[in-house]
Amino acid sequence: MNSTSLSFIAKSIVIFLFINSSTQGVVQYQIEGAIGPESFAFDALGEGPYTGVSDGRIIKWHQDQRRWLHFALTSPNRDGCEGAYEYDHAAKEHICGRPLGLCFNKTNGDLYIADAYFGLLKVGPEGGLATAVATQSEGIPFRFCNSLDIDQSTGIVYFTDSSSQFQRRNHISVILSGDKTGRLMKYDPATKQVTVLLGNLSFPNGVALSEDGNYILLAETTSCRILRYWLKTSKAGTIEIVAQLPGFPDNVKRSPRGGFWVGIHSRRKGISKLVLSFPWIGNVLIKLPIDIVKIHSSLVKLSGNGGMAMRISEQGNVLEILEEIGRKMWRSISEVEEKDGNLWIGSVNMPYAGLYKYSS
């Protein structure tokens, strides 16, 4: 493994940690035959993490065996789903499935899955083929299910559909076009009903329920901001801006030390700032006969844009920043899941999950 360096900025005090990832600090858990551990979940026994990857599988980390093992699928079709290259898998996502957000119902052991193509699904504690519980709301099919969280006291699932126009394989078009067809919804397993809580959102992405269940934090990727949607109290049904971020946020996860971790896919700078300032440029680009997603991925690689994540307070103040200075391990960070003094780091385009030993 290559050496890398991470900078940790905590409460206005800058600490530089120069870590040799082969001996301390950061460990890579390689994934065979796929890339993109986008999100993590631990079951009621604390086992895992479980994560969805690019070939449509959900896999589980077995600590005793020190390897990833198959757990579940979101699609019964496996023809052509094998292969280790991101572009091969991207072309088959709509067939093989692309599981993104994951969360366990700790009461009954069901794993709920936001699959970008097949909607909101669940699978029992033994794994296997997941079944769909919702594929549309108000007559509008889900096009890009993305993230979810569960209220463990009620079993209600809160989840996002990032766009009603574009699928995940065209996710750059959601941003370039200024699309505002995204929705925040809830699924009640008792009634099996889906309710739209918010519409007209610009690429709604990660969701995280507050510890007291009073509100949801929601990442709006295109606008580079974190929103708070109130579920309870006198503010119920209202929305407010919590934080404006320096990059495009992905998943949001509650930290056991307080606040929330936000994965930052990439920084908003240069070309991205220009395009977002003038939406007509983006609309011209998506109409050109080019693979805009592949071009974007290549530009990110060439730019040396390293991964980044932020822990913010409930008020939106920055508490910590985890940033890779060496820019070798993560081109982007989709999620940080904090557990037992460690940070599990996910990336939608890397062939491994990272474990940062926070206590070290």
Protein backbone atom coordinates (compact mmCIF):
# COMPACT_ATOMS: atom_id res chain seq x y z
CA MET A 1 0.00 0.00 0.00
CA ASN A 2 1.20 3.50 -0.75
CA SER A 3 1.93 6.04 1.92
CA THR A 4 -0.53 8.85 2.25
CA SER A 5 -1.14 11.80 4.50
CA LEU A 6 -4.32 13.00 6.06
CA SER A 7 -4.93 16.35 7.64
CA PHE A 8 -7.35 16.58 10.51
CA ILE A 9 -8.73 20.02 11.31
CA ALA A 10 -10.50 19.99 14.64
CA LYS A 11 -12.14 22.94 16.36
CA SER A 12 -9.93 25.45 14.54
CA ILE A 13 -6.75 23.55 15.51
CA VAL A 14 -4.91 22.10 12.52
CA ILE A 15 -3.21 18.74 13.13
CA PHE A 16 -1.29 17.08 10.32
CA LEU A 17 -1.10 13.30 10.48
CA PHE A 18 1.44 11.70 8.15
CA ILE A 19 0.34 8.09 7.95
CA ASN A 20 2.04 5.11 6.40
CA SER A 21 -1.14 3.23 5.53
CA SER A 22 0.61 -0.16 5.50
CA THR A 23 1.48 0.03 9.18
CA GLN A 24 -0.87 2.40 10.95
CA GLY A 25 -3.80 4.74 10.62
CA VAL A 26 -5.46 3.71 7.36
CA VAL A 27 -6.28 0.17 6.25
CA GLN A 28 -7.69 -0.75 2.85
CA TYR A 29 -10.12 -3.66 2.61
CA GLN A 30 -9.96 -4.69 -1.03
CA ILE A 31 -13.15 -5.77 -2.81
CA GLU A 32 -12.81 -8.55 -5.35
CA GLY A 33 -14.48 -8.04 -8.72
CA ALA A 34 -16.14 -4.70 -8.04
CA ILE A 35 -15.66 -1.13 -6.90
CA GLY A 36 -17.63 1.52 -5.10
CA PRO A 37 -18.52 0.72 -1.46
CA GLU A 38 -20.85 3.73 -1.36
CA SER A 39 -22.52 3.30 2.03
CA PHE A 40 -22.18 1.16 5.16
CA ALA A 41 -24.53 -0.51 7.63
CA PHE A 42 -24.04 -2.63 10.74
CA ASP A 43 -26.61 -5.16 11.89
CA ALA A 44 -28.21 -5.43 15.35
CA LEU A 45 -25.31 -7.57 16.58
CA GLY A 46 -22.80 -4.96 15.45
CA GLU A 47 -21.51 -7.21 12.69
CA GLY A 48 -20.34 -5.85 9.37
CA PRO A 49 -20.10 -3.47 7.79
CA TYR A 50 -22.38 -4.37 4.91
CA THR A 51 -22.00 -2.38 1.71
CA GLY A 52 -23.34 -2.28 -1.85
CA VAL A 53 -20.90 -2.40 -4.77
CA SER A 54 -20.84 -1.73 -8.49
CA ASP A 55 -21.82 -5.19 -9.74
CA GLY A 56 -25.11 -5.15 -7.82
CA ARG A 57 -24.02 -7.22 -4.83
CA ILE A 58 -24.35 -6.38 -1.16
CA ILE A 59 -21.37 -7.80 0.69
CA LYS A 60 -20.51 -8.22 4.35
CA TRP A 61 -17.11 -7.84 5.99
CA HIS A 62 -16.29 -10.89 8.13
CA GLN A 63 -13.65 -9.88 10.64
CA ASP A 64 -12.71 -13.46 11.59
CA GLN A 65 -12.14 -14.47 7.98
CA ARG A 66 -10.71 -11.06 7.05
CA ARG A 67 -12.64 -10.90 3.80
CA TRP A 68 -15.85 -9.76 2.14
CA LEU A 69 -18.56 -12.38 1.63
CA HIS A 70 -21.69 -12.27 -0.48
CA PHE A 71 -24.87 -11.32 1.41
CA ALA A 72 -27.61 -10.13 -0.95
CA LEU A 73 -28.63 -9.01 -4.44
CA THR A 74 -31.11 -6.42 -5.65
CA SER A 75 -31.57 -7.99 -9.11
CA PRO A 76 -32.13 -11.65 -10.10
CA ASN A 77 -30.25 -11.06 -13.36
CA ARG A 78 -26.50 -11.74 -13.12
CA ASP A 79 -25.74 -12.10 -16.84
CA GLY A 80 -22.76 -9.92 -17.64
CA CYS A 81 -22.59 -8.43 -14.15
CA GLU A 82 -19.11 -9.72 -13.37
CA GLY A 83 -15.95 -7.74 -14.08
CA ALA A 84 -13.80 -5.33 -12.13
CA TYR A 85 -14.00 -2.17 -14.19
CA GLU A 86 -16.25 0.74 -13.35
CA TYR A 87 -17.33 1.45 -16.95
CA ASP A 88 -18.27 -2.21 -17.53
CA HIS A 89 -20.49 -2.17 -14.47
CA ALA A 90 -21.94 1.27 -15.22
CA ALA A 91 -23.24 -0.01 -18.55
CA LYS A 92 -25.08 -2.85 -16.78
CA GLU A 93 -26.34 -1.05 -13.68
CA HIS A 94 -29.93 -0.96 -14.87
CA ILE A 95 -29.82 -4.75 -15.24
CA CYS A 96 -27.60 -5.81 -12.35
CA GLY A 97 -28.78 -3.18 -9.89
CA ARG A 98 -26.77 -0.60 -7.97
CA PRO A 99 -27.39 -0.71 -4.20
CA LEU A 100 -26.54 2.63 -2.61
CA GLY A 101 -27.95 3.57 0.82
CA LEU A 102 -28.32 0.79 3.40
CA CYS A 103 -29.84 0.63 6.88
CA PHE A 104 -30.98 -2.17 9.17
CA ASN A 105 -34.22 -2.25 11.09
CA LYS A 106 -32.63 -3.34 14.36
CA THR A 107 -35.91 -4.82 15.67
CA ASN A 108 -36.61 -7.44 13.00
CA GLY A 109 -33.23 -7.59 11.26
CA ASP A 110 -34.48 -6.50 7.84
CA LEU A 111 -31.96 -4.62 5.72
CA TYR A 112 -33.51 -1.79 3.71
CA ILE A 113 -31.77 -0.87 0.47
CA ALA A 114 -32.00 2.17 -1.77
CA ASP A 115 -31.20 0.76 -5.20
CA ALA A 116 -30.61 3.40 -7.86
CA TYR A 117 -32.69 1.46 -10.41
CA PHE A 118 -35.03 -0.85 -8.52
CA GLY A 119 -36.29 1.51 -5.83
CA LEU A 120 -36.68 0.84 -2.13
CA LEU A 121 -36.11 -2.82 -1.27
CA LYS A 122 -35.57 -5.01 1.76
CA VAL A 123 -33.98 -8.36 2.51
CA GLY A 124 -34.19 -10.47 5.66
CA PRO A 125 -31.34 -11.10 8.11
CA GLU A 126 -30.26 -14.20 6.19
CA GLY A 127 -29.72 -12.25 2.97
CA GLY A 128 -30.54 -13.47 -0.52
CA LEU A 129 -32.56 -11.70 -3.21
CA ALA A 130 -34.11 -8.47 -1.98
CA THR A 131 -37.76 -7.66 -2.68
CA ALA A 132 -39.15 -4.27 -3.66
CA VAL A 133 -41.35 -2.47 -1.14
CA ALA A 134 -41.81 0.75 -3.14
CA THR A 135 -41.05 1.77 -6.73
CA GLN A 136 -43.12 4.95 -7.13
CA SER A 137 -45.00 7.66 -5.29
CA GLU A 138 -47.90 9.83 -6.44
CA GLY A 139 -47.74 8.08 -9.80
CA ILE A 140 -44.13 9.10 -10.44
CA PRO A 141 -41.67 6.17 -10.69
CA PHE A 142 -38.41 6.33 -8.78
CA ARG A 143 -35.56 6.99 -11.20
CA PHE A 144 -32.61 7.36 -8.85
CA CYS A 145 -33.17 6.06 -5.31
CA ASN A 146 -30.12 7.06 -3.34
CA SER A 147 -29.95 7.20 0.44
CA LEU A 148 -32.02 6.20 3.46
CA ASP A 149 -32.27 6.15 7.24
CA ILE A 150 -34.69 4.42 9.62
CA ASP A 151 -36.48 5.62 12.72
CA GLN A 152 -35.78 2.61 14.92
CA SER A 153 -38.71 3.44 17.23
CA THR A 154 -41.33 3.34 14.47
CA GLY A 155 -39.68 1.44 11.61
CA ILE A 156 -40.40 4.34 9.23
CA VAL A 157 -37.87 4.60 6.41
CA TYR A 158 -36.82 8.04 5.15
CA PHE A 159 -35.24 8.02 1.71
CA THR A 160 -34.35 10.11 -1.33
CA ASP A 161 -35.02 9.83 -5.05
CA SER A 162 -32.38 12.12 -6.53
CA SER A 163 -34.18 12.80 -9.81
CA SER A 164 -37.38 11.95 -11.63
CA GLN A 165 -35.66 12.62 -14.98
CA PHE A 166 -32.18 11.09 -14.86
CA GLN A 167 -30.83 7.74 -13.71
CA ARG A 168 -27.64 7.22 -11.73
CA ARG A 169 -25.64 6.37 -14.85
CA ASN A 170 -26.42 9.94 -15.97
CA HIS A 171 -25.87 11.48 -12.55
CA ILE A 172 -23.69 14.30 -13.90
CA SER A 173 -26.67 15.43 -16.00
CA VAL A 174 -28.69 15.94 -12.81
CA ILE A 175 -26.17 18.61 -11.79
CA LEU A 176 -25.43 20.10 -15.21
CA SER A 177 -29.10 20.52 -16.15
CA GLY A 178 -30.06 22.16 -12.87
CA ASP A 179 -32.66 19.40 -12.41
CA LYS A 180 -35.04 20.02 -9.49
CA THR A 181 -37.23 16.93 -9.60
CA GLY A 182 -35.68 15.20 -6.59
CA ARG A 183 -37.77 14.15 -3.60
CA LEU A 184 -37.48 13.30 0.08
CA MET A 185 -39.98 10.61 1.09
CA LYS A 186 -40.96 8.27 3.88
CA TYR A 187 -42.13 4.66 3.74
CA ASP A 188 -44.29 3.32 6.56
CA PRO A 189 -43.98 -0.50 6.73
CA ALA A 190 -47.16 -0.70 8.83
CA THR A 191 -49.32 0.81 6.09
CA LYS A 192 -46.95 0.10 3.16
CA GLN A 193 -47.54 3.68 2.03
CA VAL A 194 -45.03 6.19 0.64
CA THR A 195 -45.46 9.87 1.47
CA VAL A 196 -43.61 12.71 -0.26
CA LEU A 197 -42.22 15.07 2.36
CA LEU A 198 -40.33 17.45 0.07
CA GLY A 199 -40.22 17.92 -3.70
CA ASN A 200 -38.45 20.23 -6.17
CA LEU A 201 -35.05 19.38 -4.70
CA SER A 202 -31.71 19.75 -6.50
CA PHE A 203 -30.14 16.28 -6.35
CA PRO A 204 -31.24 15.24 -2.84
CA ASN A 205 -28.71 12.72 -1.63
CA GLY A 206 -27.75 11.62 1.89
CA VAL A 207 -30.29 11.59 4.72
CA ALA A 208 -29.74 11.18 8.46
CA LEU A 209 -32.29 11.22 11.25
CA SER A 210 -31.43 13.19 14.38
CA GLU A 211 -30.90 11.22 17.58
CA ASP A 212 -34.19 12.45 19.06
CA GLY A 213 -36.06 11.87 15.80
CA ASN A 214 -37.15 15.50 15.56
CA TYR A 215 -35.59 16.26 12.18
CA ILE A 216 -33.74 14.95 9.15
CA LEU A 217 -30.51 16.34 7.75
CA LEU A 218 -30.53 16.19 3.96
CA ALA A 219 -27.65 16.70 1.55
CA GLU A 220 -28.60 18.64 -1.58
CA THR A 221 -25.72 17.86 -3.90
CA THR A 222 -26.14 20.39 -6.71
CA SER A 223 -26.47 23.34 -4.34
CA CYS A 224 -23.63 22.08 -2.10
CA ARG A 225 -25.64 22.49 1.06
CA ILE A 226 -27.14 20.63 4.00
CA LEU A 227 -30.83 21.15 4.77
CA ARG A 228 -32.82 20.40 7.89
CA TYR A 229 -36.38 19.14 7.52
CA TRP A 230 -38.35 19.21 10.74
CA LEU A 231 -40.52 16.17 11.49
CA LYS A 232 -41.67 17.19 14.97
CA THR A 233 -41.90 20.20 17.32
CA SER A 234 -43.62 23.44 16.37
CA LYS A 235 -41.36 23.59 13.29
CA ALA A 236 -42.72 20.34 11.82
CA GLY A 237 -42.96 20.50 8.04
CA THR A 238 -40.52 23.39 7.69
CA ILE A 239 -37.07 23.41 6.14
CA GLU A 240 -33.94 25.44 6.82
CA ILE A 241 -30.38 25.67 5.52
CA VAL A 242 -27.88 24.24 8.00
CA ALA A 243 -24.58 24.53 6.12
CA GLN A 244 -23.12 25.67 2.83
CA LEU A 245 -20.26 23.39 1.85
CA PRO A 246 -17.09 23.80 -0.28
CA GLY A 247 -17.97 20.76 -2.37
CA PHE A 248 -20.69 18.38 -3.52
CA PRO A 249 -22.05 16.43 -0.54
CA ASP A 250 -22.95 12.76 -0.73
CA ASN A 251 -24.05 10.72 2.29
CA VAL A 252 -24.77 12.00 5.80
CA LYS A 253 -24.26 9.83 8.90
CA ARG A 254 -24.78 10.61 12.56
CA SER A 255 -21.60 10.50 14.66
CA PRO A 256 -21.68 8.83 18.10
CA ARG A 257 -19.59 11.76 19.36
CA GLY A 258 -22.25 14.22 18.26
CA GLY A 259 -22.98 15.94 14.99
CA PHE A 260 -22.97 14.39 11.54
CA TRP A 261 -20.36 13.17 9.08
CA VAL A 262 -20.81 14.42 5.51
CA GLY A 263 -18.95 12.78 2.63
CA ILE A 264 -17.77 15.25 -0.02
CA HIS A 265 -17.65 13.76 -3.51
CA SER A 266 -15.54 16.57 -4.97
CA ARG A 267 -14.87 20.24 -4.43
CA ARG A 268 -16.84 22.96 -6.15
CA LYS A 269 -14.23 24.93 -8.03
CA GLY A 270 -13.02 25.88 -11.48
CA ILE A 271 -15.18 24.42 -14.25
CA SER A 272 -17.91 23.22 -11.89
CA LYS A 273 -18.36 26.73 -10.49
CA LEU A 274 -18.60 28.17 -13.99
CA VAL A 275 -21.14 25.61 -15.20
CA LEU A 276 -23.35 25.96 -12.14
CA SER A 277 -23.27 29.74 -12.42
CA PHE A 278 -24.55 29.54 -16.00
CA PRO A 279 -27.04 26.62 -16.32
CA TRP A 280 -27.28 27.02 -20.09
CA ILE A 281 -23.71 25.70 -20.38
CA GLY A 282 -24.66 22.48 -18.63
CA ASN A 283 -27.75 22.02 -20.77
CA VAL A 284 -25.63 22.38 -23.90
CA LEU A 285 -23.08 19.85 -22.63
CA ILE A 286 -25.62 17.12 -21.86
CA LYS A 287 -27.02 17.37 -25.39
CA LEU A 288 -23.64 16.73 -27.02
CA PRO A 289 -22.97 13.21 -28.40
CA ILE A 290 -20.36 12.46 -25.73
CA ASP A 291 -20.20 10.33 -22.58
CA ILE A 292 -20.27 13.16 -20.07
CA VAL A 293 -19.97 10.78 -17.08
CA LYS A 294 -16.80 9.17 -18.43
CA ILE A 295 -15.30 12.57 -19.26
CA HIS A 296 -16.09 13.84 -15.77
CA SER A 297 -14.47 10.77 -14.19
CA SER A 298 -11.33 11.27 -16.27
CA LEU A 299 -11.13 14.95 -15.35
CA VAL A 300 -11.42 14.11 -11.66
CA LYS A 301 -8.52 11.65 -11.98
CA LEU A 302 -6.37 14.19 -13.81
CA SER A 303 -7.16 16.98 -11.36
CA GLY A 304 -5.73 15.06 -8.42
CA ASN A 305 -8.81 16.01 -6.45
CA GLY A 306 -8.55 14.08 -3.18
CA GLY A 307 -11.34 12.81 -0.97
CA MET A 308 -12.79 14.90 1.82
CA ALA A 309 -15.31 14.52 4.65
CA MET A 310 -16.57 16.89 7.31
CA ARG A 311 -18.12 16.41 10.73
CA ILE A 312 -20.56 19.22 11.41
CA SER A 313 -22.55 20.10 14.49
CA GLU A 314 -26.34 20.17 14.63
CA GLN A 315 -26.06 23.90 14.00
CA GLY A 316 -23.89 23.37 10.92
CA ASN A 317 -20.56 24.41 12.43
CA VAL A 318 -17.53 22.50 11.18
CA LEU A 319 -16.10 20.29 13.92
CA GLU A 320 -13.59 18.22 11.96
CA ILE A 321 -12.34 17.83 8.43
CA LEU A 322 -10.86 14.59 7.16
CA GLU A 323 -8.91 15.26 3.99
CA GLU A 324 -6.46 13.22 2.02
CA ILE A 325 -3.50 15.39 1.11
CA GLY A 326 -1.60 12.72 -0.83
CA ARG A 327 -4.62 12.22 -3.13
CA LYS A 328 -3.75 8.61 -3.84
CA MET A 329 -6.29 6.57 -1.90
CA TRP A 330 -9.60 8.34 -2.54
CA ARG A 331 -10.65 10.38 -5.54
CA SER A 332 -13.86 11.03 -3.65
CA ILE A 333 -15.47 10.14 -0.33
CA SER A 334 -19.10 9.13 -0.38
CA GLU A 335 -19.56 8.33 3.30
CA VAL A 336 -17.93 8.16 6.69
CA GLU A 337 -19.44 5.73 9.20
CA GLU A 338 -18.02 6.11 12.70
CA LYS A 339 -18.03 3.02 14.92
CA ASP A 340 -15.98 1.90 17.92
CA GLY A 341 -13.43 4.68 17.51
CA ASN A 342 -12.90 3.95 13.82
CA LEU A 343 -14.00 5.71 10.66
CA TRP A 344 -15.17 3.48 7.81
CA ILE A 345 -14.61 5.44 4.61
CA GLY A 346 -16.57 4.71 1.45
CA SER A 347 -15.99 5.87 -2.09
CA VAL A 348 -18.20 5.30 -5.11
CA ASN A 349 -15.22 4.86 -7.44
CA MET A 350 -12.54 2.99 -5.48
CA PRO A 351 -12.03 -0.82 -5.23
CA TYR A 352 -11.81 -0.93 -1.45
CA ALA A 353 -13.32 0.33 1.78
CA GLY A 354 -11.06 2.32 4.05
CA LEU A 355 -10.75 2.05 7.83
CA TYR A 356 -9.19 5.01 9.59
CA LYS A 357 -8.23 4.26 13.17
CA TYR A 358 -9.45 7.48 14.70
CA SER A 359 -8.07 6.63 18.13
CA SER A 360 -4.54 6.40 16.68
